[in-house]
Amino acid sequence: TSRCLMKYYATVAASSSVVKSQNTVERIERRVLDSNPIM
């Protein structure tokens, strides 16, 4: 799970730095949740 978290945080950081909008972060969150139904 640590790897997934690292990947998730890296993606969020990249998306937030490139496009500073919560919509993108929410989309990534949904993608992560869909790909990793752990939570």
PDB file of N, CA and C in Angstrom:
ATOM      1  N   THR A   1       0.839  -1.201   0.000  1.00  0.00           N
ATOM      2  CA  THR A   1       0.000   0.000   0.000  1.00  0.00           C
ATOM      3  C   THR A   1       0.875   1.254   0.000  1.00  0.00           C
ATOM      4  N   SER A   2       2.063   1.156   0.575  1.00  0.00           N
ATOM      5  CA  SER A   2       2.955   2.328   0.609  1.00  0.00           C
ATOM      6  C   SER A   2       3.295   2.765  -0.811  1.00  0.00           C
ATOM      7  N   ARG A   3       3.500   1.792  -1.692  1.00  0.00           N
ATOM      8  CA  ARG A   3       3.813   2.128  -3.086  1.00  0.00           C
ATOM      9  C   ARG A   3       2.648   2.876  -3.702  1.00  0.00           C
ATOM     10  N   CYS A   4       1.434   2.389  -3.473  1.00  0.00           N
ATOM     11  CA  CYS A   4       0.244   3.053  -4.033  1.00  0.00           C
ATOM     12  C   CYS A   4       0.165   4.485  -3.498  1.00  0.00           C
ATOM     13  N   LEU A   5       0.420   4.647  -2.203  1.00  0.00           N
ATOM     14  CA  LEU A   5       0.350   5.987  -1.616  1.00  0.00           C
ATOM     15  C   LEU A   5       1.397   6.899  -2.249  1.00  0.00           C
ATOM     16  N   MET A   6       2.615   6.393  -2.406  1.00  0.00           N
ATOM     17  CA  MET A   6       3.678   7.201  -3.008  1.00  0.00           C
ATOM     18  C   MET A   6       3.277   7.609  -4.417  1.00  0.00           C
ATOM     19  N   LYS A   7       2.775   6.638  -5.190  1.00  0.00           N
ATOM     20  CA  LYS A   7       2.345   6.934  -6.566  1.00  0.00           C
ATOM     21  C   LYS A   7       1.237   7.975  -6.535  1.00  0.00           C
ATOM     22  N   TYR A   8       0.277   7.788  -5.613  1.00  0.00           N
ATOM     23  CA  TYR A   8      -0.863   8.708  -5.524  1.00  0.00           C
ATOM     24  C   TYR A   8      -0.381  10.119  -5.191  1.00  0.00           C
ATOM     25  N   TYR A   9       0.484  10.225  -4.178  1.00  0.00           N
ATOM     26  CA  TYR A   9       0.976  11.545  -3.786  1.00  0.00           C
ATOM     27  C   TYR A   9       1.774  12.186  -4.917  1.00  0.00           C
ATOM     28  N   ALA A  10       2.588  11.382  -5.610  1.00  0.00           N
ATOM     29  CA  ALA A  10       3.387  11.913  -6.721  1.00  0.00           C
ATOM     30  C   ALA A  10       2.469  12.452  -7.808  1.00  0.00           C
ATOM     31  N   THR A  11       1.424  11.682  -8.127  1.00  0.00           N
ATOM     32  CA  THR A  11       0.490  12.122  -9.173  1.00  0.00           C
ATOM     33  C   THR A  11      -0.222  13.398  -8.736  1.00  0.00           C
ATOM     34  N   VAL A  12      -0.665  13.433  -7.489  1.00  0.00           N
ATOM     35  CA  VAL A  12      -1.374  14.622  -7.000  1.00  0.00           C
ATOM     36  C   VAL A  12      -0.444  15.837  -7.040  1.00  0.00           C
ATOM     37  N   ALA A  13       0.790  15.658  -6.599  1.00  0.00           N
ATOM     38  CA  ALA A  13       1.743  16.772  -6.605  1.00  0.00           C
ATOM     39  C   ALA A  13       1.980  17.258  -8.030  1.00  0.00           C
ATOM     40  N   ALA A  14       2.173  16.325  -8.951  1.00  0.00           N
ATOM     41  CA  ALA A  14       2.415  16.701 -10.347  1.00  0.00           C
ATOM     42  C   ALA A  14       1.201  17.433 -10.906  1.00  0.00           C
ATOM     43  N   SER A  15       0.017  16.884 -10.670  1.00  0.00           N
ATOM     44  CA  SER A  15      -1.200  17.497 -11.214  1.00  0.00           C
ATOM     45  C   SER A  15      -1.414  18.881 -10.592  1.00  0.00           C
ATOM     46  N   SER A  16      -1.190  19.003  -9.290  1.00  0.00           N
ATOM     47  CA  SER A  16      -1.418  20.290  -8.631  1.00  0.00           C
ATOM     48  C   SER A  16      -0.392  21.321  -9.102  1.00  0.00           C
ATOM     49  N   SER A  17       0.840  20.875  -9.355  1.00  0.00           N
ATOM     50  CA  SER A  17       1.868  21.818  -9.803  1.00  0.00           C
ATOM     51  C   SER A  17       1.618  22.236 -11.247  1.00  0.00           C
ATOM     52  N   VAL A  18       1.150  21.301 -12.066  1.00  0.00           N
ATOM     53  CA  VAL A  18       0.889  21.620 -13.473  1.00  0.00           C
ATOM     54  C   VAL A  18      -0.426  22.377 -13.592  1.00  0.00           C
ATOM     55  N   VAL A  19      -1.485  21.808 -13.045  1.00  0.00           N
ATOM     56  CA  VAL A  19      -2.808  22.444 -13.123  1.00  0.00           C
ATOM     57  C   VAL A  19      -3.341  22.591 -11.705  1.00  0.00           C
ATOM     58  N   LYS A  20      -3.353  23.829 -11.212  1.00  0.00           N
ATOM     59  CA  LYS A  20      -3.792  24.039  -9.826  1.00  0.00           C
ATOM     60  C   LYS A  20      -5.308  24.149  -9.773  1.00  0.00           C
ATOM     61  N   SER A  21      -5.956  22.991  -9.742  1.00  0.00           N
ATOM     62  CA  SER A  21      -7.419  22.976  -9.648  1.00  0.00           C
ATOM     63  C   SER A  21      -7.850  21.711  -8.924  1.00  0.00           C
ATOM     64  N   GLN A  22      -8.836  21.833  -8.038  1.00  0.00           N
ATOM     65  CA  GLN A  22      -9.275  20.674  -7.257  1.00  0.00           C
ATOM     66  C   GLN A  22      -9.985  19.654  -8.136  1.00  0.00           C
ATOM     67  N   ASN A  23     -10.520  20.096  -9.259  1.00  0.00           N
ATOM     68  CA  ASN A  23     -11.207  19.166 -10.148  1.00  0.00           C
ATOM     69  C   ASN A  23     -10.257  18.065 -10.593  1.00  0.00           C
ATOM     70  N   THR A  24      -9.047  18.436 -10.964  1.00  0.00           N
ATOM     71  CA  THR A  24      -8.081  17.437 -11.426  1.00  0.00           C
ATOM     72  C   THR A  24      -7.750  16.470 -10.295  1.00  0.00           C
ATOM     73  N   VAL A  25      -7.547  17.003  -9.101  1.00  0.00           N
ATOM     74  CA  VAL A  25      -7.218  16.145  -7.963  1.00  0.00           C
ATOM     75  C   VAL A  25      -8.356  15.172  -7.700  1.00  0.00           C
ATOM     76  N   GLU A  26      -9.588  15.677  -7.756  1.00  0.00           N
ATOM     77  CA  GLU A  26     -10.739  14.798  -7.516  1.00  0.00           C
ATOM     78  C   GLU A  26     -10.786  13.698  -8.566  1.00  0.00           C
ATOM     79  N   ARG A  27     -10.508  14.060  -9.806  1.00  0.00           N
ATOM     80  CA  ARG A  27     -10.511  13.050 -10.876  1.00  0.00           C
ATOM     81  C   ARG A  27      -9.457  11.990 -10.599  1.00  0.00           C
ATOM     82  N   ILE A  28      -8.270  12.424 -10.172  1.00  0.00           N
ATOM     83  CA  ILE A  28      -7.196  11.473  -9.880  1.00  0.00           C
ATOM     84  C   ILE A  28      -7.605  10.588  -8.707  1.00  0.00           C
ATOM     85  N   GLU A  29      -8.235  11.207  -7.694  1.00  0.00           N
ATOM     86  CA  GLU A  29      -8.682  10.414  -6.545  1.00  0.00           C
ATOM     87  C   GLU A  29      -9.646   9.334  -7.002  1.00  0.00           C
ATOM     88  N   ARG A  30     -10.593   9.708  -7.850  1.00  0.00           N
ATOM     89  CA  ARG A  30     -11.556   8.718  -8.343  1.00  0.00           C
ATOM     90  C   ARG A  30     -10.838   7.628  -9.121  1.00  0.00           C
ATOM     91  N   ARG A  31      -9.858   8.028  -9.931  1.00  0.00           N
ATOM     92  CA  ARG A  31      -9.096   7.041 -10.717  1.00  0.00           C
ATOM     93  C   ARG A  31      -8.392   6.068  -9.785  1.00  0.00           C
ATOM     94  N   VAL A  32      -7.732   6.606  -8.754  1.00  0.00           N
ATOM     95  CA  VAL A  32      -6.999   5.753  -7.818  1.00  0.00           C
ATOM     96  C   VAL A  32      -7.956   4.818  -7.091  1.00  0.00           C
ATOM     97  N   LEU A  33      -9.092   5.371  -6.648  1.00  0.00           N
ATOM     98  CA  LEU A  33     -10.064   4.539  -5.938  1.00  0.00           C
ATOM     99  C   LEU A  33     -10.609   3.450  -6.847  1.00  0.00           C
ATOM    100  N   ASP A  34     -10.828   3.786  -8.111  1.00  0.00           N
ATOM    101  CA  ASP A  34     -11.346   2.787  -9.049  1.00  0.00           C
ATOM    102  C   ASP A  34     -10.295   1.718  -9.328  1.00  0.00           C
ATOM    103  N   SER A  35      -9.037   2.133  -9.466  1.00  0.00           N
ATOM    104  CA  SER A  35      -7.988   1.168  -9.792  1.00  0.00           C
ATOM    105  C   SER A  35      -7.592   0.354  -8.559  1.00  0.00           C
ATOM    106  N   ASN A  36      -7.642   0.982  -7.372  1.00  0.00           N
ATOM    107  CA  ASN A  36      -7.262   0.280  -6.143  1.00  0.00           C
ATOM    108  C   ASN A  36      -8.398   0.362  -5.128  1.00  0.00           C
ATOM    109  N   PRO A  37      -9.373  -0.541  -5.217  1.00  0.00           N
ATOM    110  CA  PRO A  37     -10.510  -0.533  -4.274  1.00  0.00           C
ATOM    111  C   PRO A  37     -10.114  -1.067  -2.909  1.00  0.00           C
ATOM    112  N   ILE A  38      -9.181  -0.362  -2.236  1.00  0.00           N
ATOM    113  CA  ILE A  38      -8.729  -0.813  -0.916  1.00  0.00           C
ATOM    114  C   ILE A  38      -9.454  -0.055   0.182  1.00  0.00           C
ATOM    115  N   MET A  39      -9.667   1.236  -0.024  1.00  0.00           N
ATOM    116  CA  MET A  39     -10.301   2.060   1.005  1.00  0.00           C
ATOM    117  C   MET A  39     -11.756   1.639   1.170  1.00  0.00           C
TER     118      MET A  39
END
